[in-house]
Amino acid sequence: MCLGIPAKVIELYETNGMKMAKVDFGGALKEACMEYLPEVKVGDYTIIHVGFGLSILDEKEAFETMELLRQIDALGEE
């Protein structure tokens, strides 16, 4: 099973001709390619899968998804 995780775009830049971003996964900062999302802006939430931004989410949808992932994680700890 593959899983895309919501992340907030906190910085956009170009590396080797590719649109890249620093994204925040609730405190964990990572780099992701934004070539599939030319319209993405700083502050947007995106679904990240294997280092690529795939879609833009509104803030409410991103928070709902993150909460569901936290609940799944809590089930695994029981």
Protein backbone atom coordinates (compact mmCIF):
# COMPACT_ATOMS: atom_id res chain seq x y z
CA MET A 1 0.00 0.00 0.00
CA CYS A 2 1.23 3.47 -0.86
CA LEU A 3 0.46 6.45 1.30
CA GLY A 4 0.52 10.16 0.51
CA ILE A 5 1.01 12.40 3.56
CA PRO A 6 -0.15 16.03 3.89
CA ALA A 7 2.57 18.62 4.34
CA LYS A 8 2.68 22.42 4.42
CA VAL A 9 4.89 24.20 1.88
CA ILE A 10 7.16 26.55 3.78
CA GLU A 11 9.66 27.48 1.06
CA LEU A 12 9.83 27.23 -2.75
CA TYR A 13 13.04 27.25 -4.80
CA GLU A 14 14.63 25.81 -7.91
CA THR A 15 17.32 23.14 -7.97
CA ASN A 16 18.84 21.96 -11.27
CA GLY A 17 15.89 23.43 -13.16
CA MET A 18 13.31 21.63 -10.98
CA LYS A 19 10.68 23.36 -8.82
CA MET A 20 11.39 22.19 -5.27
CA ALA A 21 9.97 22.94 -1.83
CA LYS A 22 10.81 22.61 1.81
CA VAL A 23 7.72 21.02 3.37
CA ASP A 24 6.65 20.55 6.98
CA PHE A 25 5.14 17.24 8.09
CA GLY A 26 4.00 18.50 11.49
CA GLY A 27 7.52 19.38 12.63
CA ALA A 28 9.61 17.17 10.36
CA LEU A 29 11.06 19.23 7.50
CA LYS A 30 11.80 17.52 4.18
CA GLU A 31 12.47 18.44 0.57
CA ALA A 32 9.92 17.57 -2.12
CA CYS A 33 9.66 18.08 -5.86
CA MET A 34 6.78 20.35 -6.93
CA GLU A 35 7.05 19.88 -10.70
CA TYR A 36 3.56 18.31 -10.80
CA LEU A 37 2.11 21.37 -9.02
CA PRO A 38 3.25 24.50 -10.89
CA GLU A 39 0.54 26.56 -9.14
CA VAL A 40 1.60 25.66 -5.57
CA LYS A 41 2.39 28.58 -3.24
CA VAL A 42 4.11 28.96 0.12
CA GLY A 43 1.49 28.18 2.78
CA ASP A 44 -0.37 25.61 0.67
CA TYR A 45 -0.88 22.07 1.93
CA THR A 46 -0.01 19.28 -0.47
CA ILE A 47 -0.12 15.51 -0.54
CA ILE A 48 3.47 14.25 -0.73
CA HIS A 49 4.21 10.76 -2.01
CA VAL A 50 7.78 9.45 -2.41
CA GLY A 51 9.13 13.00 -2.45
CA PHE A 52 6.69 14.49 -4.98
CA GLY A 53 3.82 16.90 -4.41
CA LEU A 54 0.76 15.35 -6.05
CA SER A 55 -2.20 17.55 -5.14
CA ILE A 56 -3.09 20.68 -3.22
CA LEU A 57 -5.41 20.41 -0.21
CA ASP A 58 -7.30 23.07 1.66
CA GLU A 59 -6.20 23.53 5.28
CA LYS A 60 -9.29 21.85 6.75
CA GLU A 61 -8.84 18.73 4.62
CA ALA A 62 -5.12 18.58 5.48
CA PHE A 63 -5.82 18.78 9.24
CA GLU A 64 -8.55 16.13 9.01
CA THR A 65 -6.18 13.77 7.18
CA MET A 66 -3.36 14.41 9.68
CA GLU A 67 -5.74 13.68 12.57
CA LEU A 68 -6.80 10.39 10.98
CA LEU A 69 -3.13 9.42 10.57
CA ARG A 70 -2.50 10.24 14.26
CA GLN A 71 -5.41 8.00 15.23
CA ILE A 72 -4.06 5.15 13.11
CA ASP A 73 -0.63 5.60 14.72
CA ALA A 74 -2.20 5.54 18.21
CA LEU A 75 -3.95 2.24 17.39
CA GLY A 76 -0.58 0.71 16.56
CA GLU A 77 0.80 1.75 19.95
CA GLU A 78 -1.91 -0.06 21.91
